[in-house]
Each structure stands twice: as structure tokens, then as C-alpha cells.
PDB file of N, CA and C in Angstrom:
ATOM      1  N   MET A   1     -54.859 183.090 123.081  1.00  0.00           N
ATOM      2  CA  MET A   1     -55.061 182.622 121.725  1.00  0.00           C
ATOM      3  C   MET A   1     -56.116 183.464 121.020  1.00  0.00           C
ATOM      4  N   ALA A   2     -57.150 183.854 121.746  1.00  0.00           N
ATOM      5  CA  ALA A   2     -58.183 184.699 121.141  1.00  0.00           C
ATOM      6  C   ALA A   2     -57.573 186.008 120.663  1.00  0.00           C
ATOM      7  N   ASP A   3     -56.718 186.598 121.486  1.00  0.00           N
ATOM      8  CA  ASP A   3     -56.066 187.853 121.114  1.00  0.00           C
ATOM      9  C   ASP A   3     -55.195 187.642 119.879  1.00  0.00           C
ATOM     10  N   PHE A   4     -54.461 186.557 119.849  1.00  0.00           N
ATOM     11  CA  PHE A   4     -53.586 186.276 118.708  1.00  0.00           C
ATOM     12  C   PHE A   4     -54.394 186.103 117.423  1.00  0.00           C
ATOM     13  N   LEU A   5     -55.460 185.313 117.481  1.00  0.00           N
ATOM     14  CA  LEU A   5     -56.293 185.087 116.302  1.00  0.00           C
ATOM     15  C   LEU A   5     -56.956 186.382 115.832  1.00  0.00           C
ATOM     16  N   CYS A   6     -57.451 187.155 116.785  1.00  0.00           N
ATOM     17  CA  CYS A   6     -58.109 188.418 116.442  1.00  0.00           C
ATOM     18  C   CYS A   6     -57.131 189.381 115.771  1.00  0.00           C
ATOM     19  N   LYS A   7     -55.924 189.502 116.315  1.00  0.00           N
ATOM     20  CA  LYS A   7     -54.919 190.400 115.747  1.00  0.00           C
ATOM     21  C   LYS A   7     -54.429 189.927 114.384  1.00  0.00           C
ATOM     22  N   SER A   8     -54.557 188.627 114.112  1.00  0.00           N
ATOM     23  CA  SER A   8     -54.142 188.126 112.803  1.00  0.00           C
ATOM     24  C   SER A   8     -55.300 188.156 111.803  1.00  0.00           C
ATOM     25  N   GLY A   9     -56.430 188.765 112.207  1.00  0.00           N
ATOM     26  CA  GLY A   9     -57.552 188.947 111.290  1.00  0.00           C
ATOM     27  C   GLY A   9     -58.549 187.816 111.264  1.00  0.00           C
ATOM     28  N   GLN A  10     -58.454 186.883 112.196  1.00  0.00           N
ATOM     29  CA  GLN A  10     -59.383 185.753 112.228  1.00  0.00           C
ATOM     30  C   GLN A  10     -60.636 186.123 113.009  1.00  0.00           C
ATOM     31  N   PRO A  11     -61.815 185.922 112.431  1.00  0.00           N
ATOM     32  CA  PRO A  11     -63.039 186.092 113.226  1.00  0.00           C
ATOM     33  C   PRO A  11     -63.077 185.014 114.304  1.00  0.00           C
ATOM     34  N   LEU A  12     -63.587 185.346 115.468  1.00  0.00           N
ATOM     35  CA  LEU A  12     -63.630 184.393 116.570  1.00  0.00           C
ATOM     36  C   LEU A  12     -65.010 183.759 116.655  1.00  0.00           C
ATOM     37  N   HIS A  13     -65.060 182.418 116.671  1.00  0.00           N
ATOM     38  CA  HIS A  13     -66.315 181.679 116.765  1.00  0.00           C
ATOM     39  C   HIS A  13     -66.210 180.671 117.903  1.00  0.00           C
ATOM     40  N   TYR A  14     -67.186 180.708 118.788  1.00  0.00           N
ATOM     41  CA  TYR A  14     -67.259 179.848 119.960  1.00  0.00           C
ATOM     42  C   TYR A  14     -68.535 179.028 119.850  1.00  0.00           C
ATOM     43  N   PHE A  15     -68.492 177.747 120.249  1.00  0.00           N
ATOM     44  CA  PHE A  15     -69.662 176.874 120.174  1.00  0.00           C
ATOM     45  C   PHE A  15     -70.029 176.420 121.577  1.00  0.00           C
ATOM     46  N   HIS A  16     -71.308 176.543 121.933  1.00  0.00           N
ATOM     47  CA  HIS A  16     -71.776 176.136 123.256  1.00  0.00           C
ATOM     48  C   HIS A  16     -73.201 175.599 123.151  1.00  0.00           C
ATOM     49  N   LYS A  17     -73.452 174.494 123.854  1.00  0.00           N
ATOM     50  CA  LYS A  17     -74.814 173.940 123.942  1.00  0.00           C
ATOM     51  C   LYS A  17     -75.237 173.966 125.408  1.00  0.00           C
ATOM     52  N   ASP A  18     -76.542 173.970 125.649  1.00  0.00           N
ATOM     53  CA  ASP A  18     -77.054 173.976 127.018  1.00  0.00           C
ATOM     54  C   ASP A  18     -76.574 172.770 127.821  1.00  0.00           C
ATOM     55  N   SER A  19     -76.235 171.689 127.151  1.00  0.00           N
ATOM     56  CA  SER A  19     -75.746 170.485 127.837  1.00  0.00           C
ATOM     57  C   SER A  19     -74.372 170.688 128.466  1.00  0.00           C
ATOM     58  N   GLY A  20     -73.700 171.799 128.114  1.00  0.00           N
ATOM     59  CA  GLY A  20     -72.365 172.062 128.642  1.00  0.00           C
ATOM     60  C   GLY A  20     -71.275 171.805 127.616  1.00  0.00           C
ATOM     61  N   LEU A  21     -71.622 171.212 126.501  1.00  0.00           N
ATOM     62  CA  LEU A  21     -70.663 170.973 125.430  1.00  0.00           C
ATOM     63  C   LEU A  21     -70.210 172.317 124.862  1.00  0.00           C
ATOM     64  N   GLU A  22     -68.899 172.526 124.763  1.00  0.00           N
ATOM     65  CA  GLU A  22     -68.396 173.787 124.230  1.00  0.00           C
ATOM     66  C   GLU A  22     -67.085 173.571 123.497  1.00  0.00           C
ATOM     67  N   ALA A  23     -66.843 174.432 122.529  1.00  0.00           N
ATOM     68  CA  ALA A  23     -65.580 174.412 121.783  1.00  0.00           C
ATOM     69  C   ALA A  23     -65.064 175.838 121.739  1.00  0.00           C
ATOM     70  N   ASP A  24     -63.776 176.018 122.039  1.00  0.00           N
ATOM     71  CA  ASP A  24     -63.199 177.360 122.098  1.00  0.00           C
ATOM     72  C   ASP A  24     -63.294 178.083 120.760  1.00  0.00           C
ATOM     73  N   PHE A  25     -62.823 177.444 119.696  1.00  0.00           N
ATOM     74  CA  PHE A  25     -62.848 178.051 118.367  1.00  0.00           C
ATOM     75  C   PHE A  25     -63.163 176.986 117.332  1.00  0.00           C
ATOM     76  N   LEU A  26     -63.892 177.374 116.303  1.00  0.00           N
ATOM     77  CA  LEU A  26     -64.143 176.517 115.150  1.00  0.00           C
ATOM     78  C   LEU A  26     -63.521 177.204 113.943  1.00  0.00           C
ATOM     79  N   VAL A  27     -62.722 176.454 113.204  1.00  0.00           N
ATOM     80  CA  VAL A  27     -62.065 176.992 112.009  1.00  0.00           C
ATOM     81  C   VAL A  27     -62.249 176.006 110.865  1.00  0.00           C
ATOM     82  N   ARG A  28     -62.018 176.461 109.671  1.00  0.00           N
ATOM     83  CA  ARG A  28     -62.124 175.587 108.509  1.00  0.00           C
ATOM     84  C   ARG A  28     -60.721 175.386 107.948  1.00  0.00           C
ATOM     85  N   ARG A  29     -60.362 174.112 107.739  1.00  0.00           N
ATOM     86  CA  ARG A  29     -59.054 173.757 107.187  1.00  0.00           C
ATOM     87  C   ARG A  29     -59.256 172.694 106.124  1.00  0.00           C
ATOM     88  N   HIS A  30     -58.753 172.950 104.931  1.00  0.00           N
ATOM     89  CA  HIS A  30     -58.892 172.013 103.808  1.00  0.00           C
ATOM     90  C   HIS A  30     -60.350 171.615 103.589  1.00  0.00           C
ATOM     91  N   GLY A  31     -61.246 172.583 103.751  1.00  0.00           N
ATOM     92  CA  GLY A  31     -62.655 172.343 103.506  1.00  0.00           C
ATOM     93  C   GLY A  31     -63.406 171.653 104.632  1.00  0.00           C
ATOM     94  N   GLU A  32     -62.747 171.384 105.756  1.00  0.00           N
ATOM     95  CA  GLU A  32     -63.389 170.707 106.878  1.00  0.00           C
ATOM     96  C   GLU A  32     -63.357 171.581 108.116  1.00  0.00           C
ATOM     97  N   CYS A  33     -64.370 171.427 108.949  1.00  0.00           N
ATOM     98  CA  CYS A  33     -64.421 172.133 110.223  1.00  0.00           C
ATOM     99  C   CYS A  33     -63.440 171.480 111.195  1.00  0.00           C
ATOM    100  N   VAL A  34     -62.655 172.295 111.884  1.00  0.00           N
ATOM    101  CA  VAL A  34     -61.664 171.816 112.852  1.00  0.00           C
ATOM    102  C   VAL A  34     -61.899 172.544 114.172  1.00  0.00           C
ATOM    103  N   VAL A  35     -61.868 171.804 115.280  1.00  0.00           N
ATOM    104  CA  VAL A  35     -61.970 172.399 116.610  1.00  0.00           C
ATOM    105  C   VAL A  35     -60.577 172.844 117.033  1.00  0.00           C
ATOM    106  N   LEU A  36     -60.474 174.071 117.511  1.00  0.00           N
ATOM    107  CA  LEU A  36     -59.228 174.585 118.079  1.00  0.00           C
ATOM    108  C   LEU A  36     -59.487 174.763 119.564  1.00  0.00           C
ATOM    109  N   GLU A  37     -58.922 173.886 120.384  1.00  0.00           N
ATOM    110  CA  GLU A  37     -59.158 173.870 121.828  1.00  0.00           C
ATOM    111  C   GLU A  37     -57.916 174.382 122.544  1.00  0.00           C
ATOM    112  N   VAL A  38     -58.106 175.335 123.449  1.00  0.00           N
ATOM    113  CA  VAL A  38     -56.991 175.934 124.186  1.00  0.00           C
ATOM    114  C   VAL A  38     -57.165 175.605 125.664  1.00  0.00           C
ATOM    115  N   LYS A  39     -56.119 175.044 126.269  1.00  0.00           N
ATOM    116  CA  LYS A  39     -56.139 174.690 127.681  1.00  0.00           C
ATOM    117  C   LYS A  39     -55.042 175.458 128.403  1.00  0.00           C
ATOM    118  N   SER A  40     -55.380 176.050 129.558  1.00  0.00           N
ATOM    119  CA  SER A  40     -54.368 176.779 130.320  1.00  0.00           C
ATOM    120  C   SER A  40     -53.419 175.809 131.021  1.00  0.00           C
ATOM    121  N   GLY A  41     -53.871 174.606 131.227  1.00  0.00           N
ATOM    122  CA  GLY A  41     -53.039 173.578 131.848  1.00  0.00           C
ATOM    123  C   GLY A  41     -53.007 172.349 130.963  1.00  0.00           C
ATOM    124  N   THR A  42     -53.166 171.217 131.579  1.00  0.00           N
ATOM    125  CA  THR A  42     -53.176 169.964 130.820  1.00  0.00           C
ATOM    126  C   THR A  42     -54.561 169.330 130.907  1.00  0.00           C
ATOM    127  N   GLY A  43     -55.583 170.116 130.637  1.00  0.00           N
ATOM    128  CA  GLY A  43     -56.973 169.657 130.726  1.00  0.00           C
ATOM    129  C   GLY A  43     -57.284 168.518 129.772  1.00  0.00           C
ATOM    130  N   LYS A  44     -58.369 167.826 130.057  1.00  0.00           N
ATOM    131  CA  LYS A  44     -58.761 166.643 129.299  1.00  0.00           C
ATOM    132  C   LYS A  44     -59.473 166.949 127.991  1.00  0.00           C
ATOM    133  N   ALA A  45     -60.029 168.149 127.831  1.00  0.00           N
ATOM    134  CA  ALA A  45     -60.745 168.532 126.598  1.00  0.00           C
ATOM    135  C   ALA A  45     -61.905 167.577 126.320  1.00  0.00           C
ATOM    136  N   LYS A  46     -62.751 167.369 127.326  1.00  0.00           N
ATOM    137  CA  LYS A  46     -63.870 166.434 127.231  1.00  0.00           C
ATOM    138  C   LYS A  46     -64.826 166.785 126.088  1.00  0.00           C
ATOM    139  N   SER A  47     -65.163 168.071 125.953  1.00  0.00           N
ATOM    140  CA  SER A  47     -66.091 168.471 124.892  1.00  0.00           C
ATOM    141  C   SER A  47     -65.505 168.199 123.515  1.00  0.00           C
ATOM    142  N   MET A  48     -64.215 168.479 123.351  1.00  0.00           N
ATOM    143  CA  MET A  48     -63.556 168.225 122.071  1.00  0.00           C
ATOM    144  C   MET A  48     -63.649 166.737 121.717  1.00  0.00           C
ATOM    145  N   LYS A  49     -63.404 165.886 122.689  1.00  0.00           N
ATOM    146  CA  LYS A  49     -63.476 164.441 122.461  1.00  0.00           C
ATOM    147  C   LYS A  49     -64.895 164.010 122.109  1.00  0.00           C
ATOM    148  N   THR A  50     -65.881 164.610 122.775  1.00  0.00           N
ATOM    149  CA  THR A  50     -67.277 164.290 122.482  1.00  0.00           C
ATOM    150  C   THR A  50     -67.639 164.694 121.062  1.00  0.00           C
ATOM    151  N   ILE A  51     -67.204 165.873 120.654  1.00  0.00           N
ATOM    152  CA  ILE A  51     -67.471 166.344 119.288  1.00  0.00           C
ATOM    153  C   ILE A  51     -66.835 165.399 118.277  1.00  0.00           C
ATOM    154  N   LEU A  52     -65.597 164.987 118.521  1.00  0.00           N
ATOM    155  CA  LEU A  52     -64.902 164.092 117.588  1.00  0.00           C
ATOM    156  C   LEU A  52     -65.518 162.694 117.558  1.00  0.00           C
ATOM    157  N   LYS A  53     -66.074 162.233 118.679  1.00  0.00           N
ATOM    158  CA  LYS A  53     -66.711 160.912 118.715  1.00  0.00           C
ATOM    159  C   LYS A  53     -68.052 160.900 117.982  1.00  0.00           C
ATOM    160  N   ASN A  54     -68.665 162.056 117.845  1.00  0.00           N
ATOM    161  CA  ASN A  54     -69.982 162.157 117.210  1.00  0.00           C
ATOM    162  C   ASN A  54     -69.880 162.849 115.858  1.00  0.00           C
ATOM    163  N   LYS A  55     -69.089 162.254 114.983  1.00  0.00           N
ATOM    164  CA  LYS A  55     -68.843 162.828 113.657  1.00  0.00           C
ATOM    165  C   LYS A  55     -70.126 162.978 112.838  1.00  0.00           C
ATOM    166  N   ASN A  56     -71.048 162.041 112.998  1.00  0.00           N
ATOM    167  CA  ASN A  56     -72.294 162.105 112.234  1.00  0.00           C
ATOM    168  C   ASN A  56     -73.201 163.246 112.691  1.00  0.00           C
ATOM    169  N   VAL A  57     -72.996 163.761 113.895  1.00  0.00           N
ATOM    170  CA  VAL A  57     -73.794 164.868 114.415  1.00  0.00           C
ATOM    171  C   VAL A  57     -73.132 166.212 114.119  1.00  0.00           C
ATOM    172  N   TYR A  58     -71.818 166.319 114.399  1.00  0.00           N
ATOM    173  CA  TYR A  58     -71.115 167.602 114.307  1.00  0.00           C
ATOM    174  C   TYR A  58     -70.304 167.777 113.028  1.00  0.00           C
ATOM    175  N   HIS A  59     -70.038 166.698 112.322  1.00  0.00           N
ATOM    176  CA  HIS A  59     -69.272 166.746 111.072  1.00  0.00           C
ATOM    177  C   HIS A  59     -67.896 167.371 111.272  1.00  0.00           C
ATOM    178  N   VAL A  60     -67.271 167.040 112.399  1.00  0.00           N
ATOM    179  CA  VAL A  60     -65.921 167.502 112.723  1.00  0.00           C
ATOM    180  C   VAL A  60     -65.044 166.258 112.818  1.00  0.00           C
ATOM    181  N   TYR A  61     -63.918 166.271 112.094  1.00  0.00           N
ATOM    182  CA  TYR A  61     -63.074 165.077 112.011  1.00  0.00           C
ATOM    183  C   TYR A  61     -61.676 165.290 112.586  1.00  0.00           C
ATOM    184  N   ASN A  62     -61.297 166.538 112.883  1.00  0.00           N
ATOM    185  CA  ASN A  62     -59.957 166.828 113.382  1.00  0.00           C
ATOM    186  C   ASN A  62     -59.997 167.962 114.396  1.00  0.00           C
ATOM    187  N   ALA A  63     -58.967 168.005 115.245  1.00  0.00           N
ATOM    188  CA  ALA A  63     -58.869 169.061 116.241  1.00  0.00           C
ATOM    189  C   ALA A  63     -57.409 169.415 116.470  1.00  0.00           C
ATOM    190  N   ILE A  64     -57.197 170.650 116.903  1.00  0.00           N
ATOM    191  CA  ILE A  64     -55.873 171.115 117.331  1.00  0.00           C
ATOM    192  C   ILE A  64     -56.030 171.531 118.778  1.00  0.00           C
ATOM    193  N   LYS A  65     -55.208 170.963 119.663  1.00  0.00           N
ATOM    194  CA  LYS A  65     -55.264 171.276 121.084  1.00  0.00           C
ATOM    195  C   LYS A  65     -53.972 171.956 121.492  1.00  0.00           C
ATOM    196  N   LEU A  66     -54.095 173.130 122.110  1.00  0.00           N
ATOM    197  CA  LEU A  66     -52.944 173.876 122.599  1.00  0.00           C
ATOM    198  C   LEU A  66     -52.979 173.897 124.120  1.00  0.00           C
ATOM    199  N   GLY A  67     -51.835 173.665 124.747  1.00  0.00           N
ATOM    200  CA  GLY A  67     -51.766 173.680 126.207  1.00  0.00           C
ATOM    201  C   GLY A  67     -50.345 173.413 126.658  1.00  0.00           C
ATOM    202  N   GLN A  68     -50.207 172.968 127.883  1.00  0.00           N
ATOM    203  CA  GLN A  68     -48.887 172.637 128.424  1.00  0.00           C
ATOM    204  C   GLN A  68     -48.547 171.190 128.068  1.00  0.00           C
ATOM    205  N   TYR A  69     -48.274 170.988 126.780  1.00  0.00           N
ATOM    206  CA  TYR A  69     -48.045 169.658 126.230  1.00  0.00           C
ATOM    207  C   TYR A  69     -46.793 169.654 125.372  1.00  0.00           C
ATOM    208  N   ASN A  70     -46.290 168.456 125.125  1.00  0.00           N
ATOM    209  CA  ASN A  70     -45.301 168.268 124.080  1.00  0.00           C
ATOM    210  C   ASN A  70     -46.048 168.177 122.752  1.00  0.00           C
ATOM    211  N   VAL A  71     -45.328 168.367 121.663  1.00  0.00           N
ATOM    212  CA  VAL A  71     -45.933 168.225 120.341  1.00  0.00           C
ATOM    213  C   VAL A  71     -46.267 166.758 120.123  1.00  0.00           C
ATOM    214  N   GLY A  72     -47.457 166.500 119.645  1.00  0.00           N
ATOM    215  CA  GLY A  72     -47.853 165.121 119.395  1.00  0.00           C
ATOM    216  C   GLY A  72     -49.063 165.047 118.502  1.00  0.00           C
ATOM    217  N   HIS A  73     -49.333 163.850 118.033  1.00  0.00           N
ATOM    218  CA  HIS A  73     -50.489 163.608 117.176  1.00  0.00           C
ATOM    219  C   HIS A  73     -51.060 162.261 117.567  1.00  0.00           C
ATOM    220  N   GLU A  74     -52.287 162.267 118.030  1.00  0.00           N
ATOM    221  CA  GLU A  74     -52.936 161.022 118.413  1.00  0.00           C
ATOM    222  C   GLU A  74     -54.316 160.992 117.779  1.00  0.00           C
ATOM    223  N   GLY A  75     -54.518 160.049 116.878  1.00  0.00           N
ATOM    224  CA  GLY A  75     -55.787 159.976 116.174  1.00  0.00           C
ATOM    225  C   GLY A  75     -56.025 161.232 115.369  1.00  0.00           C
ATOM    226  N   GLU A  76     -57.147 161.874 115.635  1.00  0.00           N
ATOM    227  CA  GLU A  76     -57.489 163.074 114.875  1.00  0.00           C
ATOM    228  C   GLU A  76     -57.128 164.361 115.605  1.00  0.00           C
ATOM    229  N   VAL A  77     -56.331 164.266 116.696  1.00  0.00           N
ATOM    230  CA  VAL A  77     -55.970 165.446 117.490  1.00  0.00           C
ATOM    231  C   VAL A  77     -54.478 165.746 117.357  1.00  0.00           C
ATOM    232  N   LEU A  78     -54.178 166.959 116.892  1.00  0.00           N
ATOM    233  CA  LEU A  78     -52.812 167.481 116.876  1.00  0.00           C
ATOM    234  C   LEU A  78     -52.648 168.291 118.145  1.00  0.00           C
ATOM    235  N   THR A  79     -51.647 167.954 118.954  1.00  0.00           N
ATOM    236  CA  THR A  79     -51.399 168.646 120.211  1.00  0.00           C
ATOM    237  C   THR A  79     -50.106 169.433 120.096  1.00  0.00           C
ATOM    238  N   ILE A  80     -50.174 170.722 120.476  1.00  0.00           N
ATOM    239  CA  ILE A  80     -48.978 171.559 120.459  1.00  0.00           C
ATOM    240  C   ILE A  80     -48.948 172.417 121.724  1.00  0.00           C
ATOM    241  N   SER A  81     -47.754 172.876 122.078  1.00  0.00           N
ATOM    242  CA  SER A  81     -47.590 173.735 123.249  1.00  0.00           C
ATOM    243  C   SER A  81     -48.181 175.111 122.982  1.00  0.00           C
ATOM    244  N   LEU A  82     -48.636 175.775 124.039  1.00  0.00           N
ATOM    245  CA  LEU A  82     -49.214 177.108 123.912  1.00  0.00           C
ATOM    246  C   LEU A  82     -48.277 178.077 123.211  1.00  0.00           C
ATOM    247  N   TYR A  83     -46.985 178.012 123.538  1.00  0.00           N
ATOM    248  CA  TYR A  83     -46.044 178.958 122.937  1.00  0.00           C
ATOM    249  C   TYR A  83     -45.936 178.763 121.422  1.00  0.00           C
ATOM    250  N   MET A  84     -46.408 177.634 120.921  1.00  0.00           N
ATOM    251  CA  MET A  84     -46.365 177.385 119.481  1.00  0.00           C
ATOM    252  C   MET A  84     -47.615 177.907 118.776  1.00  0.00           C
ATOM    253  N   GLY A  85     -48.452 178.638 119.494  1.00  0.00           N
ATOM    254  CA  GLY A  85     -49.654 179.200 118.910  1.00  0.00           C
ATOM    255  C   GLY A  85     -49.376 180.055 117.696  1.00  0.00           C
ATOM    256  N   LEU A  86     -48.203 180.662 117.651  1.00  0.00           N
ATOM    257  CA  LEU A  86     -47.846 181.471 116.484  1.00  0.00           C
ATOM    258  C   LEU A  86     -47.770 180.635 115.221  1.00  0.00           C
ATOM    259  N   LEU A  87     -47.519 179.359 115.328  1.00  0.00           N
ATOM    260  CA  LEU A  87     -47.484 178.483 114.156  1.00  0.00           C
ATOM    261  C   LEU A  87     -48.880 178.210 113.618  1.00  0.00           C
ATOM    262  N   VAL A  88     -49.885 178.306 114.486  1.00  0.00           N
ATOM    263  CA  VAL A  88     -51.250 178.074 114.049  1.00  0.00           C
ATOM    264  C   VAL A  88     -51.642 179.117 113.020  1.00  0.00           C
ATOM    265  N   LYS A  89     -51.144 180.335 113.165  1.00  0.00           N
ATOM    266  CA  LYS A  89     -51.453 181.400 112.215  1.00  0.00           C
ATOM    267  C   LYS A  89     -51.070 180.984 110.800  1.00  0.00           C
ATOM    268  N   GLU A  90     -49.929 180.348 110.656  1.00  0.00           N
ATOM    269  CA  GLU A  90     -49.474 179.899 109.340  1.00  0.00           C
ATOM    270  C   GLU A  90     -50.514 178.965 108.713  1.00  0.00           C
ATOM    271  N   GLN A  91     -51.131 178.140 109.524  1.00  0.00           N
ATOM    272  CA  GLN A  91     -52.109 177.184 109.016  1.00  0.00           C
ATOM    273  C   GLN A  91     -53.475 177.813 108.828  1.00  0.00           C
ATOM    274  N   LEU A  92     -53.795 178.851 109.601  1.00  0.00           N
ATOM    275  CA  LEU A  92     -55.143 179.392 109.589  1.00  0.00           C
ATOM    276  C   LEU A  92     -55.333 180.602 108.690  1.00  0.00           C
ATOM    277  N   GLU A  93     -54.254 181.267 108.287  1.00  0.00           N
ATOM    278  CA  GLU A  93     -54.433 182.558 107.630  1.00  0.00           C
ATOM    279  C   GLU A  93     -55.161 182.491 106.294  1.00  0.00           C
ATOM    280  N   ASN A  94     -55.176 181.370 105.615  1.00  0.00           N
ATOM    281  CA  ASN A  94     -55.872 181.264 104.336  1.00  0.00           C
ATOM    282  C   ASN A  94     -57.165 180.462 104.424  1.00  0.00           C
ATOM    283  N   LEU A  95     -57.662 180.247 105.619  1.00  0.00           N
ATOM    284  CA  LEU A  95     -58.854 179.431 105.800  1.00  0.00           C
ATOM    285  C   LEU A  95     -60.113 180.267 105.735  1.00  0.00           C
ATOM    286  N   ILE A  96     -61.176 179.620 105.347  1.00  0.00           N
ATOM    287  CA  ILE A  96     -62.496 180.242 105.362  1.00  0.00           C
ATOM    288  C   ILE A  96     -63.162 179.824 106.662  1.00  0.00           C
ATOM    289  N   ILE A  97     -63.612 180.784 107.435  1.00  0.00           N
ATOM    290  CA  ILE A  97     -64.285 180.481 108.688  1.00  0.00           C
ATOM    291  C   ILE A  97     -65.754 180.832 108.525  1.00  0.00           C
ATOM    292  N   LEU A  98     -66.601 179.852 108.716  1.00  0.00           N
ATOM    293  CA  LEU A  98     -68.029 180.056 108.549  1.00  0.00           C
ATOM    294  C   LEU A  98     -68.596 180.917 109.665  1.00  0.00           C
ATOM    295  N   ASP A  99     -69.548 181.783 109.321  1.00  0.00           N
ATOM    296  CA  ASP A  99     -70.269 182.539 110.331  1.00  0.00           C
ATOM    297  C   ASP A  99     -71.256 181.601 110.994  1.00  0.00           C
ATOM    298  N   ILE A 100     -71.373 181.707 112.302  1.00  0.00           N
ATOM    299  CA  ILE A 100     -72.281 180.876 113.061  1.00  0.00           C
ATOM    300  C   ILE A 100     -73.336 181.775 113.687  1.00  0.00           C
ATOM    301  N   ASP A 101     -74.609 181.418 113.558  1.00  0.00           N
ATOM    302  CA  ASP A 101     -75.689 182.189 114.143  1.00  0.00           C
ATOM    303  C   ASP A 101     -75.749 181.898 115.632  1.00  0.00           C
ATOM    304  N   LEU A 102     -75.347 182.867 116.435  1.00  0.00           N
ATOM    305  CA  LEU A 102     -75.332 182.701 117.878  1.00  0.00           C
ATOM    306  C   LEU A 102     -76.520 183.375 118.559  1.00  0.00           C
ATOM    307  N   SER A 103     -77.521 183.758 117.791  1.00  0.00           N
ATOM    308  CA  SER A 103     -78.659 184.475 118.361  1.00  0.00           C
ATOM    309  C   SER A 103     -79.443 183.639 119.381  1.00  0.00           C
ATOM    310  N   ALA A 104     -79.384 182.316 119.257  1.00  0.00           N
ATOM    311  CA  ALA A 104     -80.124 181.458 120.192  1.00  0.00           C
ATOM    312  C   ALA A 104     -79.321 181.126 121.447  1.00  0.00           C
ATOM    313  N   VAL A 105     -78.056 181.521 121.486  1.00  0.00           N
ATOM    314  CA  VAL A 105     -77.204 181.217 122.637  1.00  0.00           C
ATOM    315  C   VAL A 105     -77.420 182.259 123.707  1.00  0.00           C
ATOM    316  N   ARG A 106     -77.538 181.832 124.925  1.00  0.00           N
ATOM    317  CA  ARG A 106     -77.767 182.755 126.050  1.00  0.00           C
ATOM    318  C   ARG A 106     -76.478 183.291 126.551  1.00  0.00           C
TER     319      ARG A 106
END
């Protein structure tokens, strides 16, 4: 997914805290920050769920999860199969992605 996003002109942004909380990609959609989580299998996406549960801290209200899944929508998470990653480009190509200062990240 990183290769696909990079080749489509998307800057890549990764979020990580010392507590272990991490998000694969952060993108902006319709003026809101969205987590884009990629799983090689059928992982639980614990960090994504934590970010979504703490809206007052992270200000993230929606997520897109790609993995070995059927297409589905549960709450604020849109789930799609990895092979459908090409469809994400259609949604992301006109988005503004904020620069994140990663100088404090080890």
C-alpha cells in the first residue's frame, strides 16, 4: 500500500507513540483526519480502535482498514480487501494530507 500511495503522488505519514500506539497512514478526507490501516492478514487493528475510541484526544472519527476481509462497514470503519487498494486512490487523490513533525520520533 505504501508503494501504491507513493506512486500515486501521496506523501506517506506514519504515526507512532512510545506507548506502542501506531497508525500506518493518516490522510485527510472531507476535511477530517482518517486512519488508513493495512493488515497483511486479518489482524485486530488495536491501535486503530484505540484512536477511534479517543476522539477527544486524536480528533479522528473514521478509518479505512485493508486486509484479507470482505467489504464491510461497521461503525466508523470501512473494511476492504487488499486487492481493492486501487479504489482507495480514487478517494485519496484530491485530499489534503497534513505534514506531521516527526522530529521527536525515534
